[in-house]
Protein backbone atom coordinates (compact mmCIF):
# COMPACT_ATOMS: atom_id res chain seq x y z
CA UNK A 1 -9.22 38.49 56.37
CA UNK A 2 -9.55 38.62 52.63
CA UNK A 3 -11.78 41.60 51.14
CA UNK A 4 -13.66 41.51 47.94
CA UNK A 5 -11.53 41.60 45.39
CA UNK A 6 -8.16 40.93 47.11
CA UNK A 7 -7.59 37.87 46.30
CA UNK A 8 -6.13 36.90 42.71
CA UNK A 9 -5.98 33.37 42.31
CA UNK A 10 -2.74 31.75 40.41
CA UNK A 11 -2.64 29.43 38.21
CA UNK A 12 -0.26 26.48 37.72
CA UNK A 13 0.09 24.55 34.72
CA UNK A 14 0.16 20.65 35.42
CA UNK A 15 3.76 18.88 33.89
CA UNK A 16 1.99 16.34 31.36
CA UNK A 17 4.64 13.80 29.87
CA UNK A 18 5.20 13.12 26.10
CA UNK A 19 3.19 9.51 26.80
CA UNK A 20 -0.11 10.86 28.31
CA UNK A 21 0.55 14.24 25.27
CA UNK A 22 0.07 11.16 23.36
CA UNK A 23 -2.56 9.39 24.59
CA UNK A 24 -5.03 12.17 25.08
CA UNK A 25 -4.32 13.16 21.00
CA UNK A 26 -5.15 9.94 20.76
CA UNK A 27 -9.09 9.51 22.41
CA UNK A 28 -9.33 12.98 20.78
CA UNK A 29 -8.91 12.14 16.75
CA UNK A 30 -11.29 8.95 17.86
CA UNK A 31 -13.78 10.46 19.11
CA UNK A 32 -13.39 13.56 16.05
CA UNK A 33 -13.36 10.79 13.27
CA UNK A 34 -16.49 9.72 14.95
CA UNK A 35 -18.48 13.29 14.48
CA UNK A 36 -17.07 13.83 11.46
CA UNK A 37 -18.23 10.30 10.24
CA UNK A 38 -21.64 10.62 11.86
CA UNK A 39 -22.64 14.07 12.30
CA UNK A 40 -21.25 15.77 9.03
CA UNK A 41 -21.65 12.89 7.30
CA UNK A 42 -25.54 13.02 8.01
CA UNK A 43 -25.50 16.19 7.43
CA UNK A 44 -24.15 16.47 3.68
CA UNK A 45 -26.30 13.58 2.97
CA UNK A 46 -29.13 15.34 3.75
CA UNK A 47 -28.34 18.50 1.99
CA UNK A 48 -27.89 15.94 -0.83
CA UNK A 49 -30.76 14.20 -1.23
CA UNK A 50 -33.04 17.85 -0.54
CA UNK A 51 -30.89 18.97 -3.54
CA UNK A 52 -31.90 15.74 -5.52
CA UNK A 53 -35.22 16.14 -4.58
CA UNK A 54 -35.42 19.82 -5.72
CA UNK A 55 -33.26 19.73 -8.99
CA UNK A 56 -35.93 18.31 -11.45
CA UNK A 57 -38.42 20.43 -10.92
CA UNK A 58 -36.55 23.49 -10.27
CA UNK A 59 -34.96 22.71 -13.80
CA UNK A 60 -38.52 22.74 -14.83
CA UNK A 61 -38.86 26.75 -13.97
CA UNK A 62 -35.37 27.73 -14.58
CA UNK A 63 -32.90 25.86 -16.07
CA UNK A 64 -30.00 28.04 -15.36
CA UNK A 65 -30.90 27.94 -11.83
CA UNK A 66 -30.97 24.25 -11.63
CA UNK A 67 -27.53 24.36 -13.13
CA UNK A 68 -26.22 26.25 -10.28
CA UNK A 69 -27.90 23.17 -8.45
CA UNK A 70 -25.78 21.45 -10.38
CA UNK A 71 -22.52 23.29 -9.22
CA UNK A 72 -23.72 22.73 -5.63
CA UNK A 73 -24.10 18.96 -5.52
CA UNK A 74 -20.36 18.55 -7.47
CA UNK A 75 -19.72 21.07 -4.25
CA UNK A 76 -20.68 18.63 -1.59
CA UNK A 77 -19.27 15.58 -3.62
CA UNK A 78 -16.23 17.46 -3.13
CA UNK A 79 -17.05 17.95 0.95
CA UNK A 80 -17.82 14.16 1.09
CA UNK A 81 -14.77 13.06 -0.62
CA UNK A 82 -12.54 15.69 1.75
CA UNK A 83 -14.73 14.16 4.84
CA UNK A 84 -12.90 11.17 4.33
CA UNK A 85 -9.53 11.69 3.40
CA UNK A 86 -9.81 13.39 6.54
CA UNK A 87 -11.07 10.40 8.58
CA UNK A 88 -8.95 8.61 6.99
CA UNK A 89 -5.96 10.69 8.24
CA UNK A 90 -7.66 10.21 11.42
CA UNK A 91 -8.35 6.40 11.71
CA UNK A 92 -7.26 4.33 8.88
CA UNK A 93 -10.44 2.76 7.44
CA UNK A 94 -8.37 -0.66 6.99
CA UNK A 95 -7.23 -0.91 10.46
CA UNK A 96 -10.61 -0.52 11.64
CA UNK A 97 -12.47 -2.77 9.80
CA UNK A 98 -9.55 -5.67 8.99
CA UNK A 99 -7.10 -5.06 11.96
CA UNK A 100 -3.65 -4.72 12.22
CA UNK A 101 -2.11 -7.56 10.14
CA UNK A 102 -3.65 -7.20 7.05
CA UNK A 103 -2.92 -3.31 7.92
CA UNK A 104 0.36 -3.71 7.71
CA UNK A 105 0.20 -6.26 4.82
CA UNK A 106 -1.74 -3.40 2.55
CA UNK A 107 0.75 -0.94 3.44
CA UNK A 108 3.99 -3.20 2.90
CA UNK A 109 2.09 -3.66 -0.83
CA UNK A 110 1.65 -0.69 -1.77
CA UNK A 111 4.65 1.06 -0.25
CA UNK A 112 6.86 -1.93 -2.64
CA UNK A 113 4.53 -1.12 -5.39
CA UNK A 114 5.20 2.52 -5.68
CA UNK A 115 8.76 2.20 -4.42
CA UNK A 116 10.37 -1.03 -5.99
CA UNK A 117 11.50 -2.10 -2.53
CA UNK A 118 11.20 -6.11 -1.64
CA UNK A 119 9.73 -5.98 1.62
CA UNK A 120 9.52 -9.48 3.93
CA UNK A 121 6.49 -10.30 6.01
CA UNK A 122 6.33 -12.11 9.86
CA UNK A 123 3.53 -11.05 11.05
CA UNK A 124 1.90 -13.09 14.46
CA UNK A 125 -1.89 -12.65 14.26
CA UNK A 126 -1.96 -10.48 17.53
CA UNK A 127 -5.35 -8.92 18.05
CA UNK A 128 -4.33 -5.20 20.17
CA UNK A 129 -5.56 -2.58 22.12
CA UNK A 130 -7.49 0.14 19.58
CA UNK A 131 -4.66 2.73 20.73
CA UNK A 132 -2.22 0.28 20.25
CA UNK A 133 -2.56 -1.21 17.17
CA UNK A 134 -3.00 2.53 15.53
CA UNK A 135 0.32 3.56 17.50
CA UNK A 136 2.21 -0.04 15.83
CA UNK A 137 0.14 0.81 11.97
CA UNK A 138 1.69 4.32 12.66
CA UNK A 139 5.34 3.55 12.97
CA UNK A 140 5.36 0.95 10.35
CA UNK A 141 3.69 3.70 8.17
CA UNK A 142 6.90 6.46 9.22
CA UNK A 143 9.55 3.86 8.84
CA UNK A 144 8.02 2.90 5.29
CA UNK A 145 7.97 6.79 4.31
CA UNK A 146 11.32 7.25 5.37
CA UNK A 147 12.59 4.12 4.03
CA UNK A 148 11.19 5.39 0.73
CA UNK A 149 12.63 9.05 0.66
CA UNK A 150 16.17 8.34 3.11
CA UNK A 151 17.38 4.95 3.02
CA UNK A 152 18.32 4.03 -0.85
CA UNK A 153 17.63 0.30 0.19
CA UNK A 154 17.45 -3.12 -1.42
CA UNK A 155 15.02 -4.69 1.05
CA UNK A 156 13.25 -4.08 3.93
CA UNK A 157 11.66 -6.51 6.43
CA UNK A 158 8.68 -5.64 9.32
CA UNK A 159 8.38 -8.73 12.25
CA UNK A 160 5.12 -8.77 14.33
CA UNK A 161 6.08 -11.17 16.91
CA UNK A 162 4.22 -11.80 20.20
CA UNK A 163 5.89 -12.97 23.06
CA UNK A 164 5.31 -14.61 27.10
CA UNK A 165 5.43 -10.87 28.46
CA UNK A 166 5.44 -8.22 24.98
CA UNK A 167 4.36 -7.60 21.69
CA UNK A 168 7.72 -6.37 19.44
CA UNK A 169 7.71 -5.18 16.20
CA UNK A 170 10.36 -4.63 13.85
CA UNK A 171 10.68 -2.70 10.73
CA UNK A 172 14.27 -2.98 8.93
CA UNK A 173 16.14 -2.26 6.18
CA UNK A 174 19.76 -2.48 4.13
CA UNK A 175 19.90 1.01 3.15
CA UNK A 176 22.37 3.86 3.18
CA UNK A 177 21.43 4.50 7.38
CA UNK A 178 22.30 7.23 9.63
CA UNK A 179 23.62 8.61 12.23
CA UNK A 180 21.33 8.34 14.99
CA UNK A 181 22.40 9.03 17.74
CA UNK A 182 22.90 12.84 16.82
CA UNK A 183 20.25 15.65 17.37
CA UNK A 184 19.94 16.42 13.75
CA UNK A 185 19.05 12.71 12.77
CA UNK A 186 16.81 12.49 15.55
CA UNK A 187 13.60 14.17 13.45
CA UNK A 188 12.14 11.38 10.72
CA UNK A 189 9.03 11.23 12.45
CA UNK A 190 11.29 9.30 15.67
CA UNK A 191 9.74 11.59 17.80
CA UNK A 192 6.12 10.70 17.05
CA UNK A 193 7.14 7.43 16.70
CA UNK A 194 8.20 7.38 20.14
CA UNK A 195 5.82 8.82 21.83
CA UNK A 196 3.32 7.20 20.30
CA UNK A 197 4.72 3.99 21.70
CA UNK A 198 5.07 5.53 25.07
CA UNK A 199 1.48 6.29 25.23
CA UNK A 200 0.68 2.50 25.23
CA UNK A 201 3.85 1.77 27.83
CA UNK A 202 6.21 0.51 25.62
CA UNK A 203 9.81 1.70 24.57
CA UNK A 204 11.27 2.22 20.92
CA UNK A 205 14.57 1.94 20.07
CA UNK A 206 16.68 3.10 16.28
CA UNK A 207 19.88 1.22 15.48
CA UNK A 208 21.37 2.65 12.73
CA UNK A 209 24.88 4.09 11.38
CA UNK A 210 26.37 5.44 7.71
CA UNK A 211 26.23 1.82 5.58
CA UNK A 212 24.43 -0.41 8.25
CA UNK A 213 20.99 -0.06 7.01
CA UNK A 214 18.03 1.20 10.08
CA UNK A 215 16.50 -1.00 12.23
CA UNK A 216 13.24 0.56 14.19
CA UNK A 217 12.16 -1.74 17.45
CA UNK A 218 9.16 -1.61 19.74
CA UNK A 219 8.28 -3.38 22.78
CA UNK A 220 4.75 -3.08 24.16
CA UNK A 221 3.65 -4.76 27.29
CA UNK A 222 1.19 -7.75 27.31
CA UNK A 223 -1.38 -5.98 28.34
CA UNK A 224 -1.85 -4.11 25.34
CA UNK A 225 -3.16 -7.71 24.12
CA UNK A 226 -6.39 -8.37 24.07
CA UNK A 227 -7.45 -11.52 25.52
CA UNK A 228 -10.47 -13.23 24.01
């Protein structure tokens, strides 16, 4: 029979697959973005309104204190701007407001404007689950970042295609390429791309070779599509 203090439980962590971890991270980011927008945003705005009400009266009594209040207002404005940038990183506002197609179009436009690399778009107007939209948006964003940094490309193309059994996303460039099958080149954000796509039940393939450009291809199953 067990006596008091004789039993010490041992906890064995259950293994979590990369796809499950990424899905958890997506949900946590969405929750954090909402908290920052609703709770923190409300607190900062309330503080600004209180300062705006107090400052005129305080200025009549103490100009020096009024200057401190002006400085405090500047700090609050900076805090609100930082909050906005953090929320943008967690859940891109354009994606939330206008959906995946317009968001990818804007990404391509901004990328081409900065890099001078031409982008060809072929985008089906497909509506996906929020987590799947974010996964594809980040994939395209990361792929374009890599092209701008490493590819020395003159053109690239982005394709979003809905078929009977899947949604296919492809980003291709005509740049210098790399050895995709070597461990040292497994970075470039490719692991993050793969985890995000796998979290949505999809698959990711990267085709590249020195001097032959790069092709990033993701396929998501049809159950990621929102049917109306």
